[in-house]
C-alpha atoms as a PDB file:
ATOM      1  CA  UNK A   1      -1.909  10.851  -1.308  1.00  0.00           C
ATOM      2  CA  UNK A   2      -1.592  11.141  -5.117  1.00  0.00           C
ATOM      3  CA  UNK A   3      -2.285  13.364  -7.417  1.00  0.00           C
ATOM      4  CA  UNK A   4      -2.427  11.681 -10.625  1.00  0.00           C
ATOM      5  CA  UNK A   5      -4.800  12.098 -12.629  1.00  0.00           C
ATOM      6  CA  UNK A   6      -6.742   8.509 -13.011  1.00  0.00           C
ATOM      7  CA  UNK A   7      -6.007   6.386 -10.074  1.00  0.00           C
ATOM      8  CA  UNK A   8      -2.282   6.308  -8.915  1.00  0.00           C
ATOM      9  CA  UNK A   9       0.001   3.456 -10.973  1.00  0.00           C
ATOM     10  CA  UNK A  10      -0.485   0.137  -9.312  1.00  0.00           C
ATOM     11  CA  UNK A  11       3.330  -1.237  -7.337  1.00  0.00           C
ATOM     12  CA  UNK A  12       4.864  -2.414  -9.724  1.00  0.00           C
ATOM     13  CA  UNK A  13       4.931  -0.025 -11.853  1.00  0.00           C
ATOM     14  CA  UNK A  14       7.952   2.682 -12.591  1.00  0.00           C
ATOM     15  CA  UNK A  15       5.491   5.259 -13.075  1.00  0.00           C
ATOM     16  CA  UNK A  16       4.878   6.082  -9.530  1.00  0.00           C
ATOM     17  CA  UNK A  17       7.056   9.241  -7.588  1.00  0.00           C
ATOM     18  CA  UNK A  18       8.433   9.540  -4.648  1.00  0.00           C
ATOM     19  CA  UNK A  19       6.012  11.551  -1.792  1.00  0.00           C
ATOM     20  CA  UNK A  20       8.117  11.436   0.899  1.00  0.00           C
ATOM     21  CA  UNK A  21      12.503  10.885   0.627  1.00  0.00           C
ATOM     22  CA  UNK A  22      13.827   9.824   3.623  1.00  0.00           C
ATOM     23  CA  UNK A  23      17.654   9.121   2.322  1.00  0.00           C
ATOM     24  CA  UNK A  24      19.403   9.290   5.886  1.00  0.00           C
ATOM     25  CA  UNK A  25      16.893   6.400   6.974  1.00  0.00           C
ATOM     26  CA  UNK A  26      17.722   4.317   3.549  1.00  0.00           C
ATOM     27  CA  UNK A  27      14.180   4.069   2.612  1.00  0.00           C
ATOM     28  CA  UNK A  28      11.078   6.600   0.334  1.00  0.00           C
ATOM     29  CA  UNK A  29       7.828   6.489   0.327  1.00  0.00           C
ATOM     30  CA  UNK A  30       6.060   6.422  -3.580  1.00  0.00           C
ATOM     31  CA  UNK A  31       2.082   8.667  -3.694  1.00  0.00           C
ATOM     32  CA  UNK A  32       0.895   4.485  -4.378  1.00  0.00           C
ATOM     33  CA  UNK A  33       1.331   4.027  -0.239  1.00  0.00           C
ATOM     34  CA  UNK A  34       4.617   1.787  -1.346  1.00  0.00           C
ATOM     35  CA  UNK A  35       7.810   1.403   0.310  1.00  0.00           C
ATOM     36  CA  UNK A  36      11.478   2.076  -1.571  1.00  0.00           C
ATOM     37  CA  UNK A  37      14.683   0.957   0.794  1.00  0.00           C
ATOM     38  CA  UNK A  38      18.129   2.122  -0.736  1.00  0.00           C
ATOM     39  CA  UNK A  39      19.042  -1.572  -0.906  1.00  0.00           C
ATOM     40  CA  UNK A  40      15.991  -2.394  -3.381  1.00  0.00           C
ATOM     41  CA  UNK A  41      13.649  -3.837  -0.939  1.00  0.00           C
ATOM     42  CA  UNK A  42       9.912  -2.973  -0.597  1.00  0.00           C
ATOM     43  CA  UNK A  43       7.478  -3.265   1.493  1.00  0.00           C
ATOM     44  CA  UNK A  44       4.000  -3.150  -0.771  1.00  0.00           C
ATOM     45  CA  UNK A  45       0.591  -1.227   0.478  1.00  0.00           C
ATOM     46  CA  UNK A  46      -0.856  -4.499   1.117  1.00  0.00           C
ATOM     47  CA  UNK A  47       1.687  -5.512   3.264  1.00  0.00           C
ATOM     48  CA  UNK A  48       3.822  -7.540   1.347  1.00  0.00           C
ATOM     49  CA  UNK A  49       7.829  -8.109   0.891  1.00  0.00           C
ATOM     50  CA  UNK A  50       9.559  -7.284  -2.085  1.00  0.00           C
ATOM     51  CA  UNK A  51      12.882  -9.495  -1.155  1.00  0.00           C
ATOM     52  CA  UNK A  52      16.486  -6.898  -2.044  1.00  0.00           C
ATOM     53  CA  UNK A  53      18.043  -8.245  -4.605  1.00  0.00           C
ATOM     54  CA  UNK A  54      21.477  -8.903  -3.093  1.00  0.00           C
ATOM     55  CA  UNK A  55      24.511  -9.798  -4.805  1.00  0.00           C
ATOM     56  CA  UNK A  56      27.185 -12.921  -3.399  1.00  0.00           C
ATOM     57  CA  UNK A  57      30.675 -11.993  -2.400  1.00  0.00           C
ATOM     58  CA  UNK A  58      32.035 -14.347  -4.969  1.00  0.00           C
ATOM     59  CA  UNK A  59      30.067 -12.471  -7.664  1.00  0.00           C
ATOM     60  CA  UNK A  60      31.870  -9.313  -7.868  1.00  0.00           C
ATOM     61  CA  UNK A  61      34.828  -7.892  -9.516  1.00  0.00           C
ATOM     62  CA  UNK A  62      37.602  -7.367  -7.338  1.00  0.00           C
ATOM     63  CA  UNK A  63      40.684  -5.241  -8.463  1.00  0.00           C
ATOM     64  CA  UNK A  64      44.022  -6.487  -8.997  1.00  0.00           C
END
Protein backbone atom coordinates (compact mmCIF):
# COMPACT_ATOMS: atom_id res chain seq x y z
CA UNK A 1 0.00 0.00 0.00
CA UNK A 2 2.88 2.36 0.74
CA UNK A 3 5.97 3.16 -1.29
CA UNK A 4 8.14 4.37 1.63
CA UNK A 5 11.51 2.58 1.58
CA UNK A 6 11.34 1.80 5.29
CA UNK A 7 8.06 1.13 7.03
CA UNK A 8 5.37 3.75 6.53
CA UNK A 9 5.34 6.59 9.08
CA UNK A 10 2.99 6.15 12.00
CA UNK A 11 -0.52 7.60 11.95
CA UNK A 12 0.45 10.36 14.40
CA UNK A 13 3.20 11.62 12.08
CA UNK A 14 2.81 14.31 9.40
CA UNK A 15 4.94 12.32 6.95
CA UNK A 16 2.31 9.97 5.40
CA UNK A 17 1.12 11.07 1.98
CA UNK A 18 -2.27 10.89 0.26
CA UNK A 19 -2.79 7.80 -1.87
CA UNK A 20 -6.49 8.37 -2.68
CA UNK A 21 -8.11 11.81 -2.62
CA UNK A 22 -11.89 12.22 -2.45
CA UNK A 23 -12.45 15.98 -1.97
CA UNK A 24 -16.02 15.69 -3.27
CA UNK A 25 -16.76 13.42 -0.29
CA UNK A 26 -14.54 15.27 2.19
CA UNK A 27 -11.87 12.66 2.95
CA UNK A 28 -8.42 11.37 1.92
CA UNK A 29 -6.77 7.98 2.37
CA UNK A 30 -3.16 8.16 3.57
CA UNK A 31 -0.43 5.64 2.75
CA UNK A 32 -0.43 4.39 6.35
CA UNK A 33 -4.11 3.41 6.12
CA UNK A 34 -5.50 6.39 8.05
CA UNK A 35 -8.51 8.24 6.66
CA UNK A 36 -8.37 12.01 7.20
CA UNK A 37 -11.56 14.06 6.96
CA UNK A 38 -11.84 17.70 5.84
CA UNK A 39 -13.17 18.68 9.28
CA UNK A 40 -9.79 17.54 10.75
CA UNK A 41 -11.15 14.29 12.18
CA UNK A 42 -9.36 11.00 11.50
CA UNK A 43 -10.15 7.31 11.43
CA UNK A 44 -6.96 5.36 12.15
CA UNK A 45 -6.15 1.88 10.78
CA UNK A 46 -6.68 0.29 14.20
CA UNK A 47 -10.27 1.64 14.27
CA UNK A 48 -9.61 4.41 16.78
CA UNK A 49 -10.98 7.88 16.12
CA UNK A 50 -9.36 11.31 16.37
CA UNK A 51 -12.16 13.77 17.00
CA UNK A 52 -12.38 16.82 14.72
CA UNK A 53 -11.29 20.17 16.07
CA UNK A 54 -14.44 22.22 16.51
CA UNK A 55 -14.61 25.97 17.01
CA UNK A 56 -17.56 27.21 19.01
CA UNK A 57 -19.60 30.01 17.47
CA UNK A 58 -18.77 32.31 20.41
CA UNK A 59 -15.06 32.09 19.55
CA UNK A 60 -15.42 33.04 15.89
CA UNK A 61 -14.46 36.54 14.85
CA UNK A 62 -17.36 38.68 13.75
CA UNK A 63 -16.94 41.43 11.17
CA UNK A 64 -18.75 44.59 12.18
